[in-house]
C-alpha atoms as a PDB file:
ATOM      1  CA  MET A   1       0.000   0.000   0.000  1.00  0.00           C
ATOM      2  CA  SER A   2       1.409   3.358  -1.022  1.00  0.00           C
ATOM      3  CA  ARG A   3       0.571   6.452   0.937  1.00  0.00           C
ATOM      4  CA  ALA A   4      -2.114   8.326  -0.971  1.00  0.00           C
ATOM      5  CA  PHE A   5      -3.891  11.673  -0.809  1.00  0.00           C
ATOM      6  CA  TYR A   6      -7.129  10.072   0.432  1.00  0.00           C
ATOM      7  CA  HIS A   7      -5.237   8.539   3.377  1.00  0.00           C
ATOM      8  CA  ASP A   8      -4.071  11.904   4.716  1.00  0.00           C
ATOM      9  CA  HIS A   9      -7.078  13.966   3.567  1.00  0.00           C
ATOM     10  CA  PRO A  10     -10.139  11.688   3.639  1.00  0.00           C
ATOM     11  CA  ASP A  11     -12.581  14.607   3.802  1.00  0.00           C
ATOM     12  CA  ILE A  12     -11.242  16.457   0.742  1.00  0.00           C
ATOM     13  CA  LEU A  13     -13.304  15.253  -2.204  1.00  0.00           C
ATOM     14  CA  GLN A  14     -12.611  18.133  -4.604  1.00  0.00           C
ATOM     15  CA  LEU A  15      -9.072  18.964  -5.655  1.00  0.00           C
ATOM     16  CA  GLU A  16      -7.335  21.091  -8.272  1.00  0.00           C
ATOM     17  CA  ALA A  17      -4.331  19.356  -9.812  1.00  0.00           C
ATOM     18  CA  GLU A  18      -1.849  19.758 -12.640  1.00  0.00           C
ATOM     19  CA  VAL A  19      -1.978  17.329 -15.563  1.00  0.00           C
ATOM     20  CA  ARG A  20       1.263  15.360 -15.854  1.00  0.00           C
ATOM     21  CA  ASP A  21       0.377  13.331 -18.934  1.00  0.00           C
ATOM     22  CA  ALA A  22      -2.616  12.535 -21.117  1.00  0.00           C
ATOM     23  CA  ARG A  23      -3.671  10.142 -23.828  1.00  0.00           C
ATOM     24  CA  PRO A  24      -7.051   9.818 -25.551  1.00  0.00           C
ATOM     25  CA  GLY A  25      -9.467   8.665 -22.860  1.00  0.00           C
ATOM     26  CA  ALA A  26      -7.090   8.985 -19.894  1.00  0.00           C
ATOM     27  CA  VAL A  27      -5.240  11.597 -17.873  1.00  0.00           C
ATOM     28  CA  LEU A  28      -2.492  11.385 -15.252  1.00  0.00           C
ATOM     29  CA  VAL A  29      -2.434  14.139 -12.598  1.00  0.00           C
ATOM     30  CA  GLU A  30       0.075  15.163  -9.949  1.00  0.00           C
ATOM     31  CA  ARG A  31      -2.246  14.131  -7.107  1.00  0.00           C
ATOM     32  CA  SER A  32      -5.786  12.849  -6.793  1.00  0.00           C
ATOM     33  CA  PRO A  33      -8.507  12.469  -4.134  1.00  0.00           C
ATOM     34  CA  PHE A  34      -9.862   9.352  -5.874  1.00  0.00           C
ATOM     35  CA  PHE A  35      -9.640   5.913  -4.258  1.00  0.00           C
ATOM     36  CA  PRO A  36      -8.761   3.512  -7.101  1.00  0.00           C
ATOM     37  CA  GLY A  37     -10.391   0.406  -5.625  1.00  0.00           C
ATOM     38  CA  GLY A  38      -8.865  -2.598  -3.915  1.00  0.00           C
ATOM     39  CA  GLY A  39      -9.256  -4.898  -0.932  1.00  0.00           C
ATOM     40  CA  GLY A  40     -12.865  -5.544  -1.893  1.00  0.00           C
ATOM     41  CA  GLN A  41     -13.735  -1.827  -1.996  1.00  0.00           C
ATOM     42  CA  LEU A  42     -15.103  -0.354  -5.226  1.00  0.00           C
ATOM     43  CA  PRO A  43     -13.289   2.612  -6.813  1.00  0.00           C
ATOM     44  CA  ASP A  44     -14.607   6.115  -6.290  1.00  0.00           C
ATOM     45  CA  GLN A  45     -17.007   7.657  -8.777  1.00  0.00           C
ATOM     46  CA  GLY A  46     -16.844  11.284  -9.896  1.00  0.00           C
ATOM     47  CA  ILE A  47     -15.942  13.795 -12.580  1.00  0.00           C
ATOM     48  CA  LEU A  48     -13.034  15.764 -14.017  1.00  0.00           C
ATOM     49  CA  ARG A  49     -13.554  19.445 -14.904  1.00  0.00           C
ATOM     50  CA  TRP A  50     -11.217  21.217 -17.315  1.00  0.00           C
ATOM     51  CA  SER A  51     -11.287  24.050 -19.814  1.00  0.00           C
ATOM     52  CA  GLY A  52     -12.879  21.742 -22.387  1.00  0.00           C
ATOM     53  CA  GLY A  53     -15.832  20.736 -20.221  1.00  0.00           C
ATOM     54  CA  VAL A  54     -16.809  18.009 -17.759  1.00  0.00           C
ATOM     55  CA  LEU A  55     -15.729  14.369 -18.087  1.00  0.00           C
ATOM     56  CA  PRO A  56     -17.359  11.610 -15.991  1.00  0.00           C
ATOM     57  CA  ILE A  57     -14.662   9.286 -14.666  1.00  0.00           C
ATOM     58  CA  THR A  58     -15.270   5.745 -15.948  1.00  0.00           C
ATOM     59  CA  GLY A  59     -12.306   4.007 -14.337  1.00  0.00           C
ATOM     60  CA  LEU A  60      -9.001   4.355 -12.506  1.00  0.00           C
ATOM     61  CA  GLU A  61      -5.713   2.642 -13.299  1.00  0.00           C
ATOM     62  CA  ARG A  62      -2.504   2.788 -11.281  1.00  0.00           C
ATOM     63  CA  ASP A  63       0.978   2.356 -12.703  1.00  0.00           C
ATOM     64  CA  GLU A  64       4.492   3.245 -11.563  1.00  0.00           C
ATOM     65  CA  ARG A  65       3.867   6.910 -12.440  1.00  0.00           C
ATOM     66  CA  GLY A  66       0.643   7.352 -10.493  1.00  0.00           C
ATOM     67  CA  LEU A  67      -3.128   7.149 -10.943  1.00  0.00           C
ATOM     68  CA  TRP A  68      -4.678   7.434 -14.409  1.00  0.00           C
ATOM     69  CA  HIS A  69      -8.269   8.719 -14.605  1.00  0.00           C
ATOM     70  CA  LEU A  70     -10.222   7.163 -17.470  1.00  0.00           C
ATOM     71  CA  PHE A  71     -13.133   8.686 -19.360  1.00  0.00           C
ATOM     72  CA  ALA A  72     -15.085   8.149 -22.581  1.00  0.00           C
ATOM     73  CA  GLY A  73     -13.993   9.934 -25.745  1.00  0.00           C
ATOM     74  CA  GLU A  74     -10.755  11.286 -27.169  1.00  0.00           C
ATOM     75  CA  ALA A  75     -10.270  14.458 -25.100  1.00  0.00           C
ATOM     76  CA  LEU A  76      -6.758  15.423 -24.008  1.00  0.00           C
ATOM     77  CA  PRO A  77      -7.067  17.586 -20.869  1.00  0.00           C
ATOM     78  CA  SER A  78      -4.074  19.796 -20.105  1.00  0.00           C
ATOM     79  CA  GLY A  79      -2.997  22.401 -17.586  1.00  0.00           C
ATOM     80  CA  LYS A  80      -4.968  22.496 -14.358  1.00  0.00           C
ATOM     81  CA  VAL A  81      -8.039  20.302 -13.865  1.00  0.00           C
ATOM     82  CA  THR A  82     -10.469  19.878 -10.987  1.00  0.00           C
ATOM     83  CA  LEU A  83     -11.205  16.360  -9.725  1.00  0.00           C
ATOM     84  CA  GLU A  84     -14.463  15.797  -7.851  1.00  0.00           C
ATOM     85  CA  VAL A  85     -15.272  12.570  -5.992  1.00  0.00           C
ATOM     86  CA  GLU A  86     -18.988  11.735  -5.761  1.00  0.00           C
ATOM     87  CA  PRO A  87     -19.618  12.160  -2.005  1.00  0.00           C
ATOM     88  CA  ALA A  88     -22.601   9.839  -1.519  1.00  0.00           C
ATOM     89  CA  PHE A  89     -20.831   6.853  -3.080  1.00  0.00           C
ATOM     90  CA  ARG A  90     -17.617   7.497  -1.126  1.00  0.00           C
ATOM     91  CA  ALA A  91     -19.676   7.727   2.080  1.00  0.00           C
ATOM     92  CA  LEU A  92     -21.337   4.391   1.314  1.00  0.00           C
ATOM     93  CA  MET A  93     -17.996   2.687   0.720  1.00  0.00           C
ATOM     94  CA  CYS A  94     -16.612   4.161   3.970  1.00  0.00           C
ATOM     95  CA  GLU A  95     -19.645   2.884   5.856  1.00  0.00           C
ATOM     96  CA  LEU A  96     -19.492  -0.632   4.413  1.00  0.00           C
ATOM     97  CA  HIS A  97     -15.725  -0.901   4.833  1.00  0.00           C
ATOM     98  CA  THR A  98     -15.908   0.161   8.466  1.00  0.00           C
ATOM     99  CA  LEU A  99     -18.642  -2.385   9.193  1.00  0.00           C
ATOM    100  CA  ALA A 100     -16.659  -5.071   7.386  1.00  0.00           C
ATOM    101  CA  HIS A 101     -13.814  -4.393   9.814  1.00  0.00           C
ATOM    102  CA  VAL A 102     -16.232  -4.745  12.729  1.00  0.00           C
ATOM    103  CA  VAL A 103     -17.489  -8.117  11.485  1.00  0.00           C
ATOM    104  CA  ASN A 104     -13.908  -9.189  10.857  1.00  0.00           C
ATOM    105  CA  ALA A 105     -12.949  -8.250  14.414  1.00  0.00           C
ATOM    106  CA  LEU A 106     -15.914 -10.104  15.933  1.00  0.00           C
ATOM    107  CA  VAL A 107     -15.162 -13.262  13.965  1.00  0.00           C
ATOM    108  CA  TYR A 108     -11.428 -13.056  14.671  1.00  0.00           C
ATOM    109  CA  THR A 109     -12.088 -12.701  18.409  1.00  0.00           C
ATOM    110  CA  GLN A 110     -14.893 -15.205  18.802  1.00  0.00           C
ATOM    111  CA  PHE A 111     -13.617 -17.902  16.444  1.00  0.00           C
ATOM    112  CA  GLY A 112     -10.003 -18.347  17.483  1.00  0.00           C
ATOM    113  CA  GLY A 113      -8.311 -15.979  15.070  1.00  0.00           C
ATOM    114  CA  ALA A 114     -10.176 -17.122  11.936  1.00  0.00           C
ATOM    115  CA  LEU A 115      -8.645 -15.553   8.835  1.00  0.00           C
ATOM    116  CA  LEU A 116     -10.335 -13.671   6.020  1.00  0.00           C
ATOM    117  CA  THR A 117     -10.502 -15.466   2.658  1.00  0.00           C
ATOM    118  CA  GLY A 118     -12.350 -12.800   0.674  1.00  0.00           C
ATOM    119  CA  ALA A 119     -14.385  -9.591   0.831  1.00  0.00           C
ATOM    120  CA  GLN A 120     -16.535  -7.466  -1.452  1.00  0.00           C
ATOM    121  CA  LEU A 121     -18.338  -4.158  -0.901  1.00  0.00           C
ATOM    122  CA  ASN A 122     -21.314  -3.527  -3.185  1.00  0.00           C
ATOM    123  CA  ALA A 123     -23.101  -0.474  -4.555  1.00  0.00           C
ATOM    124  CA  ASP A 124     -26.448  -1.829  -3.289  1.00  0.00           C
ATOM    125  CA  ALA A 125     -25.424  -1.115   0.346  1.00  0.00           C
ATOM    126  CA  THR A 126     -24.425  -4.712   1.081  1.00  0.00           C
ATOM    127  CA  PHE A 127     -21.088  -6.389   1.647  1.00  0.00           C
ATOM    128  CA  ARG A 128     -19.856  -9.898   2.136  1.00  0.00           C
ATOM    129  CA  VAL A 129     -16.878 -11.236   4.056  1.00  0.00           C
ATOM    130  CA  ASP A 130     -15.580 -14.800   3.756  1.00  0.00           C
ATOM    131  CA  PHE A 131     -13.690 -16.636   6.492  1.00  0.00           C
ATOM    132  CA  ASP A 132     -11.785 -19.863   6.957  1.00  0.00           C
ATOM    133  CA  LEU A 133     -14.252 -21.378   9.434  1.00  0.00           C
ATOM    134  CA  PRO A 134     -14.479 -25.168   9.090  1.00  0.00           C
ATOM    135  CA  GLY A 135     -17.272 -26.557  11.239  1.00  0.00           C
ATOM    136  CA  ALA A 136     -18.610 -23.152  12.288  1.00  0.00           C
ATOM    137  CA  ASP A 137     -22.258 -23.096  13.277  1.00  0.00           C
ATOM    138  CA  ASN A 138     -24.236 -20.810  10.982  1.00  0.00           C
ATOM    139  CA  ASP A 139     -26.654 -19.783  13.730  1.00  0.00           C
ATOM    140  CA  THR A 140     -23.704 -18.617  15.823  1.00  0.00           C
ATOM    141  CA  LEU A 141     -22.525 -16.508  12.894  1.00  0.00           C
ATOM    142  CA  ARG A 142     -25.995 -15.005  12.449  1.00  0.00           C
ATOM    143  CA  ALA A 143     -25.944 -14.060  16.138  1.00  0.00           C
ATOM    144  CA  LEU A 144     -23.083 -11.642  15.404  1.00  0.00           C
ATOM    145  CA  GLU A 145     -25.727  -9.140  14.277  1.00  0.00           C
ATOM    146  CA  ALA A 146     -26.381  -8.026  17.857  1.00  0.00           C
ATOM    147  CA  PRO A 147     -22.740  -7.247  18.773  1.00  0.00           C
ATOM    148  CA  LEU A 148     -22.256  -5.622  15.354  1.00  0.00           C
ATOM    149  CA  ASN A 149     -25.037  -3.149  16.085  1.00  0.00           C
ATOM    150  CA  GLU A 150     -23.770  -2.674  19.629  1.00  0.00           C
ATOM    151  CA  VAL A 151     -20.431  -1.497  18.188  1.00  0.00           C
ATOM    152  CA  ILE A 152     -22.343   0.968  15.990  1.00  0.00           C
ATOM    153  CA  ARG A 153     -24.253   2.210  19.039  1.00  0.00           C
ATOM    154  CA  ARG A 154     -21.024   2.684  21.031  1.00  0.00           C
ATOM    155  CA  ASP A 155     -19.697   5.071  18.348  1.00  0.00           C
ATOM    156  CA  LEU A 156     -16.066   3.955  18.592  1.00  0.00           C
ATOM    157  CA  PRO A 157     -13.461   6.250  16.981  1.00  0.00           C
ATOM    158  CA  VAL A 158     -11.686   4.987  13.859  1.00  0.00           C
ATOM    159  CA  SER A 159      -8.115   6.128  13.157  1.00  0.00           C
ATOM    160  CA  SER A 160      -5.031   5.068  11.220  1.00  0.00           C
ATOM    161  CA  ILE A 161      -1.264   5.138  11.498  1.00  0.00           C
ATOM    162  CA  PHE A 162       1.655   4.052   9.324  1.00  0.00           C
ATOM    163  CA  MET A 163       4.292   1.663  10.627  1.00  0.00           C
ATOM    164  CA  PRO A 164       7.246  -0.264   9.156  1.00  0.00           C
ATOM    165  CA  HIS A 165       6.051  -3.329   7.279  1.00  0.00           C
ATOM    166  CA  ASP A 166       8.448  -5.695   9.067  1.00  0.00           C
ATOM    167  CA  GLU A 167       7.329  -4.362  12.431  1.00  0.00           C
ATOM    168  CA  ALA A 168       3.681  -4.858  11.489  1.00  0.00           C
ATOM    169  CA  GLN A 169       4.327  -8.433  10.378  1.00  0.00           C
ATOM    170  CA  ALA A 170       5.676  -9.219  13.832  1.00  0.00           C
ATOM    171  CA  VAL A 171       2.429  -8.135  15.553  1.00  0.00           C
ATOM    172  CA  PRO A 172      -0.145 -10.960  15.713  1.00  0.00           C
ATOM    173  CA  GLY A 173      -3.472 -10.062  14.130  1.00  0.00           C
ATOM    174  CA  LEU A 174      -2.449  -7.046  12.060  1.00  0.00           C
ATOM    175  CA  PHE A 175      -2.543  -9.072   8.843  1.00  0.00           C
ATOM    176  CA  ARG A 176      -5.862 -10.937   8.617  1.00  0.00           C
ATOM    177  CA  SER A 177      -6.029 -12.376   5.096  1.00  0.00           C
ATOM    178  CA  LYS A 178      -5.263 -16.055   4.585  1.00  0.00           C
ATOM    179  CA  ALA A 179      -4.211 -15.613   0.959  1.00  0.00           C
ATOM    180  CA  VAL A 180      -2.556 -12.194   0.608  1.00  0.00           C
ATOM    181  CA  ALA A 181      -0.626  -9.726   2.734  1.00  0.00           C
ATOM    182  CA  PRO A 182      -0.741  -5.974   2.120  1.00  0.00           C
ATOM    183  CA  PRO A 183       2.506  -4.808   0.502  1.00  0.00           C
ATOM    184  CA  ALA A 184       4.704  -2.100   1.887  1.00  0.00           C
ATOM    185  CA  GLY A 185       4.615   1.313   0.253  1.00  0.00           C
ATOM    186  CA  GLU A 186       7.607   2.915  -1.399  1.00  0.00           C
ATOM    187  CA  ASP A 187       8.595   4.252   2.019  1.00  0.00           C
ATOM    188  CA  GLY A 188       8.521   0.748   3.545  1.00  0.00           C
ATOM    189  CA  LEU A 189       5.445   1.555   5.627  1.00  0.00           C
ATOM    190  CA  VAL A 190       2.072  -0.139   5.872  1.00  0.00           C
ATOM    191  CA  ARG A 191      -1.178   1.530   6.962  1.00  0.00           C
ATOM    192  CA  ILE A 192      -2.873   0.227  10.114  1.00  0.00           C
ATOM    193  CA  VAL A 193      -6.534   1.056  10.751  1.00  0.00           C
ATOM    194  CA  GLU A 194      -7.744   0.971  14.362  1.00  0.00           C
ATOM    195  CA  ILE A 195     -11.250   0.885  15.821  1.00  0.00           C
ATOM    196  CA  LEU A 196     -10.751   1.904  19.433  1.00  0.00           C
ATOM    197  CA  ASP A 197     -10.980  -0.991  21.915  1.00  0.00           C
ATOM    198  CA  LEU A 198     -12.007  -3.396  19.148  1.00  0.00           C
ATOM    199  CA  ASP A 199      -9.678  -3.882  16.216  1.00  0.00           C
ATOM    200  CA  ARG A 200      -6.322  -3.122  14.579  1.00  0.00           C
ATOM    201  CA  GLN A 201      -5.415  -4.395  11.124  1.00  0.00           C
ATOM    202  CA  ALA A 202      -3.566  -3.437   7.965  1.00  0.00           C
ATOM    203  CA  CYS A 203      -5.813  -1.811   5.365  1.00  0.00           C
ATOM    204  CA  GLY A 204      -5.518   0.701   2.527  1.00  0.00           C
ATOM    205  CA  GLY A 205      -9.213   1.566   2.131  1.00  0.00           C
ATOM    206  CA  THR A 206     -11.407   4.432   3.297  1.00  0.00           C
ATOM    207  CA  HIS A 207     -13.442   4.384   6.509  1.00  0.00           C
ATOM    208  CA  LEU A 208     -15.811   6.375   8.679  1.00  0.00           C
ATOM    209  CA  ALA A 209     -14.422   8.586  11.445  1.00  0.00           C
ATOM    210  CA  SER A 210     -16.374   6.537  14.003  1.00  0.00           C
ATOM    211  CA  THR A 211     -18.624   3.479  14.015  1.00  0.00           C
ATOM    212  CA  GLY A 212     -21.657   5.500  15.118  1.00  0.00           C
ATOM    213  CA  ARG A 213     -21.816   7.165  11.723  1.00  0.00           C
ATOM    214  CA  ALA A 214     -22.944   3.854  10.215  1.00  0.00           C
ATOM    215  CA  ARG A 215     -26.578   2.895   9.906  1.00  0.00           C
ATOM    216  CA  PRO A 216     -27.965  -0.153  11.746  1.00  0.00           C
ATOM    217  CA  ALA A 217     -26.922  -3.344   9.995  1.00  0.00           C
ATOM    218  CA  ARG A 218     -28.392  -6.801   9.583  1.00  0.00           C
ATOM    219  CA  ILE A 219     -26.905 -10.124   8.593  1.00  0.00           C
ATOM    220  CA  VAL A 220     -29.019 -11.219   5.657  1.00  0.00           C
ATOM    221  CA  LYS A 221     -27.391 -14.516   4.734  1.00  0.00           C
ATOM    222  CA  ILE A 222     -24.808 -17.107   5.755  1.00  0.00           C
ATOM    223  CA  ASP A 223     -23.425 -19.309   2.972  1.00  0.00           C
ATOM    224  CA  ASN A 224     -21.250 -22.398   3.126  1.00  0.00           C
ATOM    225  CA  LYS A 225     -18.626 -21.909   0.405  1.00  0.00           C
ATOM    226  CA  GLY A 226     -16.985 -25.315   0.385  1.00  0.00           C
ATOM    227  CA  ARG A 227     -15.940 -27.358   3.403  1.00  0.00           C
ATOM    228  CA  GLN A 228     -14.036 -24.575   5.159  1.00  0.00           C
ATOM    229  CA  ASN A 229     -15.304 -21.194   4.007  1.00  0.00           C
ATOM    230  CA  ARG A 230     -18.268 -19.343   5.468  1.00  0.00           C
ATOM    231  CA  ARG A 231     -19.637 -16.244   3.762  1.00  0.00           C
ATOM    232  CA  ILE A 232     -21.425 -13.572   5.823  1.00  0.00           C
ATOM    233  CA  LYS A 233     -23.545 -11.129   3.861  1.00  0.00           C
ATOM    234  CA  VAL A 234     -24.496  -7.877   5.601  1.00  0.00           C
ATOM    235  CA  ALA A 235     -26.821  -5.033   4.591  1.00  0.00           C
ATOM    236  CA  VAL A 236     -27.347  -1.539   6.020  1.00  0.00           C
END
Protein backbone atom coordinates (compact mmCIF):
# COMPACT_ATOMS: atom_id res chain seq x y z
CA MET A 1 0.00 0.00 0.00
CA SER A 2 1.41 3.36 -1.02
CA ARG A 3 0.57 6.45 0.94
CA ALA A 4 -2.11 8.33 -0.97
CA PHE A 5 -3.89 11.67 -0.81
CA TYR A 6 -7.13 10.07 0.43
CA HIS A 7 -5.24 8.54 3.38
CA ASP A 8 -4.07 11.90 4.72
CA HIS A 9 -7.08 13.97 3.57
CA PRO A 10 -10.14 11.69 3.64
CA ASP A 11 -12.58 14.61 3.80
CA ILE A 12 -11.24 16.46 0.74
CA LEU A 13 -13.30 15.25 -2.20
CA GLN A 14 -12.61 18.13 -4.60
CA LEU A 15 -9.07 18.96 -5.65
CA GLU A 16 -7.34 21.09 -8.27
CA ALA A 17 -4.33 19.36 -9.81
CA GLU A 18 -1.85 19.76 -12.64
CA VAL A 19 -1.98 17.33 -15.56
CA ARG A 20 1.26 15.36 -15.85
CA ASP A 21 0.38 13.33 -18.93
CA ALA A 22 -2.62 12.54 -21.12
CA ARG A 23 -3.67 10.14 -23.83
CA PRO A 24 -7.05 9.82 -25.55
CA GLY A 25 -9.47 8.67 -22.86
CA ALA A 26 -7.09 8.99 -19.89
CA VAL A 27 -5.24 11.60 -17.87
CA LEU A 28 -2.49 11.39 -15.25
CA VAL A 29 -2.43 14.14 -12.60
CA GLU A 30 0.08 15.16 -9.95
CA ARG A 31 -2.25 14.13 -7.11
CA SER A 32 -5.79 12.85 -6.79
CA PRO A 33 -8.51 12.47 -4.13
CA PHE A 34 -9.86 9.35 -5.87
CA PHE A 35 -9.64 5.91 -4.26
CA PRO A 36 -8.76 3.51 -7.10
CA GLY A 37 -10.39 0.41 -5.63
CA GLY A 38 -8.86 -2.60 -3.91
CA GLY A 39 -9.26 -4.90 -0.93
CA GLY A 40 -12.86 -5.54 -1.89
CA GLN A 41 -13.73 -1.83 -2.00
CA LEU A 42 -15.10 -0.35 -5.23
CA PRO A 43 -13.29 2.61 -6.81
CA ASP A 44 -14.61 6.11 -6.29
CA GLN A 45 -17.01 7.66 -8.78
CA GLY A 46 -16.84 11.28 -9.90
CA ILE A 47 -15.94 13.79 -12.58
CA LEU A 48 -13.03 15.76 -14.02
CA ARG A 49 -13.55 19.44 -14.90
CA TRP A 50 -11.22 21.22 -17.31
CA SER A 51 -11.29 24.05 -19.81
CA GLY A 52 -12.88 21.74 -22.39
CA GLY A 53 -15.83 20.74 -20.22
CA VAL A 54 -16.81 18.01 -17.76
CA LEU A 55 -15.73 14.37 -18.09
CA PRO A 56 -17.36 11.61 -15.99
CA ILE A 57 -14.66 9.29 -14.67
CA THR A 58 -15.27 5.75 -15.95
CA GLY A 59 -12.31 4.01 -14.34
CA LEU A 60 -9.00 4.36 -12.51
CA GLU A 61 -5.71 2.64 -13.30
CA ARG A 62 -2.50 2.79 -11.28
CA ASP A 63 0.98 2.36 -12.70
CA GLU A 64 4.49 3.25 -11.56
CA ARG A 65 3.87 6.91 -12.44
CA GLY A 66 0.64 7.35 -10.49
CA LEU A 67 -3.13 7.15 -10.94
CA TRP A 68 -4.68 7.43 -14.41
CA HIS A 69 -8.27 8.72 -14.60
CA LEU A 70 -10.22 7.16 -17.47
CA PHE A 71 -13.13 8.69 -19.36
CA ALA A 72 -15.09 8.15 -22.58
CA GLY A 73 -13.99 9.93 -25.74
CA GLU A 74 -10.76 11.29 -27.17
CA ALA A 75 -10.27 14.46 -25.10
CA LEU A 76 -6.76 15.42 -24.01
CA PRO A 77 -7.07 17.59 -20.87
CA SER A 78 -4.07 19.80 -20.11
CA GLY A 79 -3.00 22.40 -17.59
CA LYS A 80 -4.97 22.50 -14.36
CA VAL A 81 -8.04 20.30 -13.86
CA THR A 82 -10.47 19.88 -10.99
CA LEU A 83 -11.20 16.36 -9.73
CA GLU A 84 -14.46 15.80 -7.85
CA VAL A 85 -15.27 12.57 -5.99
CA GLU A 86 -18.99 11.73 -5.76
CA PRO A 87 -19.62 12.16 -2.01
CA ALA A 88 -22.60 9.84 -1.52
CA PHE A 89 -20.83 6.85 -3.08
CA ARG A 90 -17.62 7.50 -1.13
CA ALA A 91 -19.68 7.73 2.08
CA LEU A 92 -21.34 4.39 1.31
CA MET A 93 -18.00 2.69 0.72
CA CYS A 94 -16.61 4.16 3.97
CA GLU A 95 -19.64 2.88 5.86
CA LEU A 96 -19.49 -0.63 4.41
CA HIS A 97 -15.73 -0.90 4.83
CA THR A 98 -15.91 0.16 8.47
CA LEU A 99 -18.64 -2.39 9.19
CA ALA A 100 -16.66 -5.07 7.39
CA HIS A 101 -13.81 -4.39 9.81
CA VAL A 102 -16.23 -4.75 12.73
CA VAL A 103 -17.49 -8.12 11.49
CA ASN A 104 -13.91 -9.19 10.86
CA ALA A 105 -12.95 -8.25 14.41
CA LEU A 106 -15.91 -10.10 15.93
CA VAL A 107 -15.16 -13.26 13.97
CA TYR A 108 -11.43 -13.06 14.67
CA THR A 109 -12.09 -12.70 18.41
CA GLN A 110 -14.89 -15.21 18.80
CA PHE A 111 -13.62 -17.90 16.44
CA GLY A 112 -10.00 -18.35 17.48
CA GLY A 113 -8.31 -15.98 15.07
CA ALA A 114 -10.18 -17.12 11.94
CA LEU A 115 -8.65 -15.55 8.84
CA LEU A 116 -10.33 -13.67 6.02
CA THR A 117 -10.50 -15.47 2.66
CA GLY A 118 -12.35 -12.80 0.67
CA ALA A 119 -14.39 -9.59 0.83
CA GLN A 120 -16.53 -7.47 -1.45
CA LEU A 121 -18.34 -4.16 -0.90
CA ASN A 122 -21.31 -3.53 -3.18
CA ALA A 123 -23.10 -0.47 -4.56
CA ASP A 124 -26.45 -1.83 -3.29
CA ALA A 125 -25.42 -1.11 0.35
CA THR A 126 -24.42 -4.71 1.08
CA PHE A 127 -21.09 -6.39 1.65
CA ARG A 128 -19.86 -9.90 2.14
CA VAL A 129 -16.88 -11.24 4.06
CA ASP A 130 -15.58 -14.80 3.76
CA PHE A 131 -13.69 -16.64 6.49
CA ASP A 132 -11.79 -19.86 6.96
CA LEU A 133 -14.25 -21.38 9.43
CA PRO A 134 -14.48 -25.17 9.09
CA GLY A 135 -17.27 -26.56 11.24
CA ALA A 136 -18.61 -23.15 12.29
CA ASP A 137 -22.26 -23.10 13.28
CA ASN A 138 -24.24 -20.81 10.98
CA ASP A 139 -26.65 -19.78 13.73
CA THR A 140 -23.70 -18.62 15.82
CA LEU A 141 -22.53 -16.51 12.89
CA ARG A 142 -26.00 -15.00 12.45
CA ALA A 143 -25.94 -14.06 16.14
CA LEU A 144 -23.08 -11.64 15.40
CA GLU A 145 -25.73 -9.14 14.28
CA ALA A 146 -26.38 -8.03 17.86
CA PRO A 147 -22.74 -7.25 18.77
CA LEU A 148 -22.26 -5.62 15.35
CA ASN A 149 -25.04 -3.15 16.09
CA GLU A 150 -23.77 -2.67 19.63
CA VAL A 151 -20.43 -1.50 18.19
CA ILE A 152 -22.34 0.97 15.99
CA ARG A 153 -24.25 2.21 19.04
CA ARG A 154 -21.02 2.68 21.03
CA ASP A 155 -19.70 5.07 18.35
CA LEU A 156 -16.07 3.95 18.59
CA PRO A 157 -13.46 6.25 16.98
CA VAL A 158 -11.69 4.99 13.86
CA SER A 159 -8.12 6.13 13.16
CA SER A 160 -5.03 5.07 11.22
CA ILE A 161 -1.26 5.14 11.50
CA PHE A 162 1.65 4.05 9.32
CA MET A 163 4.29 1.66 10.63
CA PRO A 164 7.25 -0.26 9.16
CA HIS A 165 6.05 -3.33 7.28
CA ASP A 166 8.45 -5.70 9.07
CA GLU A 167 7.33 -4.36 12.43
CA ALA A 168 3.68 -4.86 11.49
CA GLN A 169 4.33 -8.43 10.38
CA ALA A 170 5.68 -9.22 13.83
CA VAL A 171 2.43 -8.13 15.55
CA PRO A 172 -0.15 -10.96 15.71
CA GLY A 173 -3.47 -10.06 14.13
CA LEU A 174 -2.45 -7.05 12.06
CA PHE A 175 -2.54 -9.07 8.84
CA ARG A 176 -5.86 -10.94 8.62
CA SER A 177 -6.03 -12.38 5.10
CA LYS A 178 -5.26 -16.05 4.59
CA ALA A 179 -4.21 -15.61 0.96
CA VAL A 180 -2.56 -12.19 0.61
CA ALA A 181 -0.63 -9.73 2.73
CA PRO A 182 -0.74 -5.97 2.12
CA PRO A 183 2.51 -4.81 0.50
CA ALA A 184 4.70 -2.10 1.89
CA GLY A 185 4.61 1.31 0.25
CA GLU A 186 7.61 2.92 -1.40
CA ASP A 187 8.59 4.25 2.02
CA GLY A 188 8.52 0.75 3.55
CA LEU A 189 5.45 1.55 5.63
CA VAL A 190 2.07 -0.14 5.87
CA ARG A 191 -1.18 1.53 6.96
CA ILE A 192 -2.87 0.23 10.11
CA VAL A 193 -6.53 1.06 10.75
CA GLU A 194 -7.74 0.97 14.36
CA ILE A 195 -11.25 0.88 15.82
CA LEU A 196 -10.75 1.90 19.43
CA ASP A 197 -10.98 -0.99 21.91
CA LEU A 198 -12.01 -3.40 19.15
CA ASP A 199 -9.68 -3.88 16.22
CA ARG A 200 -6.32 -3.12 14.58
CA GLN A 201 -5.42 -4.40 11.12
CA ALA A 202 -3.57 -3.44 7.97
CA CYS A 203 -5.81 -1.81 5.36
CA GLY A 204 -5.52 0.70 2.53
CA GLY A 205 -9.21 1.57 2.13
CA THR A 206 -11.41 4.43 3.30
CA HIS A 207 -13.44 4.38 6.51
CA LEU A 208 -15.81 6.38 8.68
CA ALA A 209 -14.42 8.59 11.45
CA SER A 210 -16.37 6.54 14.00
CA THR A 211 -18.62 3.48 14.02
CA GLY A 212 -21.66 5.50 15.12
CA ARG A 213 -21.82 7.17 11.72
CA ALA A 214 -22.94 3.85 10.21
CA ARG A 215 -26.58 2.90 9.91
CA PRO A 216 -27.96 -0.15 11.75
CA ALA A 217 -26.92 -3.34 10.00
CA ARG A 218 -28.39 -6.80 9.58
CA ILE A 219 -26.91 -10.12 8.59
CA VAL A 220 -29.02 -11.22 5.66
CA LYS A 221 -27.39 -14.52 4.73
CA ILE A 222 -24.81 -17.11 5.76
CA ASP A 223 -23.42 -19.31 2.97
CA ASN A 224 -21.25 -22.40 3.13
CA LYS A 225 -18.63 -21.91 0.40
CA GLY A 226 -16.99 -25.32 0.38
CA ARG A 227 -15.94 -27.36 3.40
CA GLN A 228 -14.04 -24.57 5.16
CA ASN A 229 -15.30 -21.19 4.01
CA ARG A 230 -18.27 -19.34 5.47
CA ARG A 231 -19.64 -16.24 3.76
CA ILE A 232 -21.43 -13.57 5.82
CA LYS A 233 -23.55 -11.13 3.86
CA VAL A 234 -24.50 -7.88 5.60
CA ALA A 235 -26.82 -5.03 4.59
CA VAL A 236 -27.35 -1.54 6.02
